[in-house]
Amino acid sequence: MRKLGHEVDLYAPIDNEFRGDFNQIDIPICDPNPQLELDLYHKYSKELKASDVVYDMSHTKIFSDILYNEGYKTFINLQLGFSWNVPQCKKNVCVPSKNSANAALIGLNGFENTLWYESVGHTGKLESCRYVHFGTNIDFYLPKYEKQDYFLWFGGFMPWKGTHIAIALAKEMGFKLILASGIVEQESQKQYREYCLNEIKESSNIKYIELPNNKEHQLIKRSLIQNAKAFLSPVIYAEGFGLVNIETLSCATPVITT
């Protein structure tokens, strides 16, 4: 957008590792919180409607759905998964991989043949979409070739991310494992986290690190990735695009995934 001559306003938590020529507006993490996203929309609706283009990367698509219903047509949605968060306007949608695009066009939600197929939900298939692969900041996620003696799992505490599988592997094989995540606020994630933490109580080779929601978050995350022997990603669904996987590879750390 900058190359096309536009000014860019980025609405995101100020502690995240963003670089570029843009104006950043600090907002809280919405992970996802529909009411909080709705409150943010009302707070910034004047600025949003004055924009040439709105690029909605939220989970709920509240921003783009309201804009669409109010007749504002110039926006682009980033669909994070397959069909579980399709916006009301099923055009002008970008997805992070060709696989996600093909699945979204026929209405797959990525959780077929899993325990969460119905609970995740279906919001319909897209009429059209393009795919643009996620990228990472290779000036920040720098390679490090000397590794320490531990494996790493990092992510949100959702059962389809396979944290329990990583724990079971570490218990059976005896390798050192670090589980890491940001501060967990969603009730469903809290429950799964408590289940996982209970599973590692008696395991001296497994520990959990909770990363702060501040500027130290990305620095600690990078250090954990750079020093790990390998990153474990035993997901149990068709993930649209695992961003942490390419962040890990950028650090010269192998990824072991399903």
Protein backbone atom coordinates (compact mmCIF):
# COMPACT_ATOMS: atom_id res chain seq x y z
CA MET A 1 0.00 0.00 0.00
CA ARG A 2 2.90 2.35 0.69
CA LYS A 3 4.28 1.67 -2.79
CA LEU A 4 0.90 2.70 -4.21
CA GLY A 5 1.15 6.04 -2.39
CA HIS A 6 -1.15 5.32 0.55
CA GLU A 7 -0.56 6.18 4.19
CA VAL A 8 -0.93 3.06 6.35
CA ASP A 9 -2.51 2.90 9.80
CA LEU A 10 -1.90 -0.34 11.71
CA TYR A 11 -4.30 -1.18 14.55
CA ALA A 12 -2.41 -3.70 16.71
CA PRO A 13 -0.90 -4.13 20.19
CA ILE A 14 2.11 -1.85 20.42
CA ASP A 15 4.27 -4.62 21.93
CA ASN A 16 4.19 -6.73 18.76
CA GLU A 17 7.25 -6.86 16.53
CA PHE A 18 6.14 -4.79 13.54
CA ARG A 19 8.48 -2.87 11.29
CA GLY A 20 7.71 -0.57 8.42
CA ASP A 21 6.60 2.87 7.37
CA PHE A 22 3.20 3.15 9.04
CA ASN A 23 1.31 4.77 11.90
CA GLN A 24 0.58 2.24 14.65
CA ILE A 25 -2.48 2.63 16.86
CA ASP A 26 -2.18 0.64 20.08
CA ILE A 27 -5.15 -1.64 20.76
CA PRO A 28 -5.53 -4.54 23.20
CA ILE A 29 -5.18 -8.17 22.11
CA CYS A 30 -8.60 -9.48 20.97
CA ASP A 31 -7.90 -13.22 21.02
CA PRO A 32 -10.80 -13.40 19.87
CA ASN A 33 -13.19 -11.28 21.95
CA PRO A 34 -16.25 -10.26 19.87
CA GLN A 35 -17.42 -7.61 22.35
CA LEU A 36 -13.98 -6.03 22.53
CA GLU A 37 -13.70 -6.01 18.73
CA LEU A 38 -17.16 -4.41 18.51
CA ASP A 39 -16.14 -1.72 21.02
CA LEU A 40 -12.98 -1.04 19.01
CA TYR A 41 -14.97 -0.74 15.81
CA HIS A 42 -17.24 1.92 17.34
CA LYS A 43 -14.22 3.75 18.74
CA TYR A 44 -12.44 3.92 15.36
CA SER A 45 -15.35 3.72 12.89
CA LYS A 46 -14.85 7.31 11.69
CA GLU A 47 -11.22 6.65 10.81
CA LEU A 48 -12.03 3.31 9.20
CA LYS A 49 -14.72 4.78 6.96
CA ALA A 50 -12.35 7.55 5.87
CA SER A 51 -9.83 4.98 4.66
CA ASP A 52 -9.40 4.00 1.01
CA VAL A 53 -8.98 0.34 1.95
CA VAL A 54 -9.59 -1.60 5.18
CA TYR A 55 -7.67 -4.85 5.60
CA ASP A 56 -9.38 -6.98 8.27
CA MET A 57 -7.19 -9.65 9.91
CA SER A 58 -9.50 -10.26 12.90
CA HIS A 59 -10.88 -13.64 13.93
CA THR A 60 -14.51 -12.55 14.08
CA LYS A 61 -14.68 -10.35 10.94
CA ILE A 62 -16.85 -7.88 12.89
CA PHE A 63 -15.10 -4.89 11.32
CA SER A 64 -15.61 -5.97 7.72
CA ASP A 65 -19.12 -7.33 8.34
CA ILE A 66 -20.33 -4.00 9.76
CA LEU A 67 -18.65 -2.05 6.98
CA TYR A 68 -20.22 -4.37 4.41
CA ASN A 69 -23.69 -4.01 5.93
CA GLU A 70 -23.32 -0.23 6.03
CA GLY A 71 -22.46 -0.10 2.34
CA TYR A 72 -18.71 0.41 2.59
CA LYS A 73 -17.29 -1.87 -0.10
CA THR A 74 -13.56 -1.27 -0.21
CA PHE A 75 -12.06 -3.75 2.20
CA ILE A 76 -10.08 -6.97 2.09
CA ASN A 77 -10.51 -9.85 4.53
CA LEU A 78 -7.73 -12.13 5.58
CA GLN A 79 -9.33 -15.48 6.28
CA LEU A 80 -7.23 -17.25 8.89
CA GLY A 81 -8.54 -20.75 8.35
CA PHE A 82 -10.69 -22.61 5.86
CA SER A 83 -14.40 -21.89 6.24
CA TRP A 84 -14.87 -21.40 9.98
CA ASN A 85 -14.46 -17.62 9.90
CA VAL A 86 -15.80 -16.65 6.48
CA PRO A 87 -17.08 -13.06 6.49
CA GLN A 88 -20.57 -12.08 5.33
CA CYS A 89 -19.08 -10.60 2.19
CA LYS A 90 -17.64 -13.67 0.50
CA LYS A 91 -15.54 -11.69 -1.98
CA ASN A 92 -12.28 -9.75 -1.63
CA VAL A 93 -10.90 -12.47 0.61
CA CYS A 94 -7.24 -13.44 0.95
CA VAL A 95 -6.08 -16.70 2.52
CA PRO A 96 -2.51 -17.68 3.46
CA SER A 97 -2.07 -20.73 1.23
CA LYS A 98 -3.32 -22.35 -1.98
CA ASN A 99 -4.62 -25.28 0.06
CA SER A 100 -6.71 -22.93 2.20
CA ALA A 101 -8.06 -21.22 -0.91
CA ASN A 102 -9.15 -24.47 -2.55
CA ALA A 103 -10.78 -25.67 0.68
CA ALA A 104 -12.60 -22.39 1.35
CA LEU A 105 -14.07 -22.33 -2.16
CA ILE A 106 -15.82 -25.66 -1.54
CA GLY A 107 -16.72 -24.96 2.09
CA LEU A 108 -14.30 -27.16 4.05
CA ASN A 109 -13.52 -25.95 7.56
CA GLY A 110 -10.25 -27.84 8.04
CA PHE A 111 -11.57 -29.96 10.91
CA GLU A 112 -13.06 -32.80 8.89
CA ASN A 113 -12.63 -36.18 10.60
CA THR A 114 -11.74 -34.58 13.95
CA LEU A 115 -13.55 -34.28 17.28
CA TRP A 116 -14.08 -30.55 16.70
CA TYR A 117 -15.75 -30.67 13.29
CA GLU A 118 -19.16 -29.50 14.54
CA SER A 119 -18.04 -27.25 17.40
CA VAL A 120 -15.75 -25.12 15.23
CA GLY A 121 -18.66 -24.31 12.94
CA HIS A 122 -19.26 -23.67 9.27
CA THR A 123 -19.86 -20.21 7.90
CA GLY A 124 -20.17 -21.11 4.25
CA LYS A 125 -17.94 -21.26 1.22
CA LEU A 126 -16.32 -18.32 -0.48
CA GLU A 127 -17.40 -17.03 -3.85
CA SER A 128 -13.86 -15.99 -4.73
CA CYS A 129 -10.52 -15.61 -3.03
CA ARG A 130 -6.81 -15.17 -3.62
CA TYR A 131 -3.93 -16.54 -1.60
CA VAL A 132 -0.94 -14.58 -0.36
CA HIS A 133 1.54 -16.53 1.74
CA PHE A 134 2.35 -15.25 5.19
CA GLY A 135 5.85 -13.93 5.68
CA THR A 136 8.17 -13.31 8.59
CA ASN A 137 10.73 -10.72 9.57
CA ILE A 138 14.02 -12.38 8.64
CA ASP A 139 15.92 -9.42 10.12
CA PHE A 140 14.40 -10.33 13.51
CA TYR A 141 14.15 -14.13 13.34
CA LEU A 142 17.84 -14.66 12.69
CA PRO A 143 19.46 -18.10 12.34
CA LYS A 144 21.38 -19.57 15.24
CA TYR A 145 23.26 -22.82 14.71
CA GLU A 146 24.36 -23.68 18.25
CA LYS A 147 21.38 -25.35 19.94
CA GLN A 148 20.54 -26.24 23.51
CA ASP A 149 19.24 -29.59 24.75
CA TYR A 150 15.47 -29.09 24.57
CA PHE A 151 12.56 -29.33 22.16
CA LEU A 152 9.95 -26.57 21.97
CA TRP A 153 6.18 -26.38 21.63
CA PHE A 154 4.79 -22.85 21.25
CA GLY A 155 1.26 -21.66 20.52
CA GLY A 156 -2.28 -21.14 21.75
CA PHE A 157 -3.72 -23.73 24.12
CA MET A 158 -6.28 -25.38 21.86
CA PRO A 159 -6.52 -29.19 21.76
CA TRP A 160 -6.20 -29.33 17.97
CA LYS A 161 -2.74 -27.74 18.33
CA GLY A 162 -1.63 -31.07 19.81
CA THR A 163 0.06 -29.92 23.02
CA HIS A 164 -0.96 -33.18 24.71
CA ILE A 165 0.76 -35.13 21.92
CA ALA A 166 4.01 -33.23 22.44
CA ILE A 167 3.74 -33.95 26.18
CA ALA A 168 3.09 -37.66 25.59
CA LEU A 169 6.13 -37.89 23.29
CA ALA A 170 8.39 -36.20 25.82
CA LYS A 171 7.16 -38.48 28.59
CA GLU A 172 7.67 -41.63 26.55
CA MET A 173 11.03 -40.71 25.00
CA GLY A 174 12.47 -38.74 27.91
CA PHE A 175 13.64 -35.65 26.01
CA LYS A 176 13.51 -32.15 27.51
CA LEU A 177 10.47 -30.16 26.37
CA ILE A 178 9.53 -26.52 26.90
CA LEU A 179 5.90 -25.53 26.45
CA ALA A 180 5.44 -21.81 25.87
CA SER A 181 2.50 -19.50 25.19
CA GLY A 182 1.31 -15.99 25.78
CA ILE A 183 -1.01 -15.10 28.65
CA VAL A 184 -4.15 -17.21 28.26
CA GLU A 185 -7.42 -15.29 28.64
CA GLN A 186 -10.07 -17.38 26.87
CA GLU A 187 -11.90 -19.76 29.19
CA SER A 188 -11.70 -22.71 26.78
CA GLN A 189 -7.94 -22.24 26.43
CA LYS A 190 -7.55 -21.94 30.20
CA GLN A 191 -9.23 -25.31 30.67
CA TYR A 192 -6.98 -27.05 28.13
CA ARG A 193 -3.89 -25.35 29.57
CA GLU A 194 -4.80 -26.59 33.06
CA TYR A 195 -5.23 -30.09 31.66
CA CYS A 196 -1.77 -29.93 30.05
CA LEU A 197 -0.11 -28.46 33.14
CA ASN A 198 -1.64 -31.20 35.26
CA GLU A 199 -0.14 -33.75 32.84
CA ILE A 200 3.40 -32.43 33.40
CA LYS A 201 3.30 -32.03 37.21
CA GLU A 202 5.39 -35.14 37.80
CA SER A 203 7.64 -34.70 34.74
CA SER A 204 11.02 -33.17 35.52
CA ASN A 205 11.91 -33.03 31.81
CA ILE A 206 8.95 -30.80 30.84
CA LYS A 207 8.38 -27.19 31.88
CA TYR A 208 5.97 -24.41 30.98
CA ILE A 209 6.86 -20.78 30.30
CA GLU A 210 4.21 -18.07 30.07
CA LEU A 211 5.34 -15.12 27.98
CA PRO A 212 4.31 -11.59 29.01
CA ASN A 213 2.07 -9.45 26.81
CA ASN A 214 4.64 -6.70 26.42
CA LYS A 215 7.72 -5.90 24.34
CA GLU A 216 9.62 -8.79 25.93
CA HIS A 217 7.19 -11.32 24.41
CA GLN A 218 8.76 -11.44 20.95
CA LEU A 219 12.31 -11.37 22.32
CA ILE A 220 11.69 -14.33 24.64
CA LYS A 221 9.84 -16.21 21.89
CA ARG A 222 12.72 -15.68 19.45
CA SER A 223 15.29 -16.84 22.01
CA LEU A 224 13.30 -20.02 22.76
CA ILE A 225 13.02 -20.80 19.05
CA GLN A 226 16.65 -20.02 18.23
CA ASN A 227 18.02 -22.25 21.00
CA ALA A 228 15.69 -25.25 20.56
CA LYS A 229 16.92 -28.51 19.01
CA ALA A 230 13.61 -28.64 17.12
CA PHE A 231 10.09 -27.23 17.20
CA LEU A 232 7.20 -29.67 17.67
CA SER A 233 3.96 -28.94 15.81
CA PRO A 234 1.73 -32.04 16.17
CA VAL A 235 -1.47 -30.37 14.91
CA ILE A 236 -4.63 -32.47 14.50
CA TYR A 237 -6.37 -30.37 11.85
CA ALA A 238 -5.65 -28.88 8.45
CA GLU A 239 -3.92 -25.71 9.59
CA GLY A 240 -4.26 -22.89 7.08
CA PHE A 241 -0.69 -21.69 7.49
CA GLY A 242 1.53 -22.20 10.54
CA LEU A 243 3.30 -18.86 10.86
CA VAL A 244 5.44 -20.03 13.76
CA ASN A 245 6.77 -22.79 11.50
CA ILE A 246 8.45 -20.33 9.14
CA GLU A 247 9.60 -18.16 12.04
CA THR A 248 11.27 -21.31 13.38
CA LEU A 249 12.85 -22.24 10.05
CA SER A 250 14.14 -18.69 9.72
CA CYS A 251 16.02 -19.29 12.99
CA ALA A 252 17.63 -22.46 11.52
CA THR A 253 15.61 -24.63 13.90
CA PRO A 254 14.02 -27.78 12.43
CA VAL A 255 10.23 -28.23 12.52
CA ILE A 256 8.74 -31.64 13.31
CA THR A 257 5.09 -31.59 12.33
CA THR A 258 2.15 -33.77 11.33
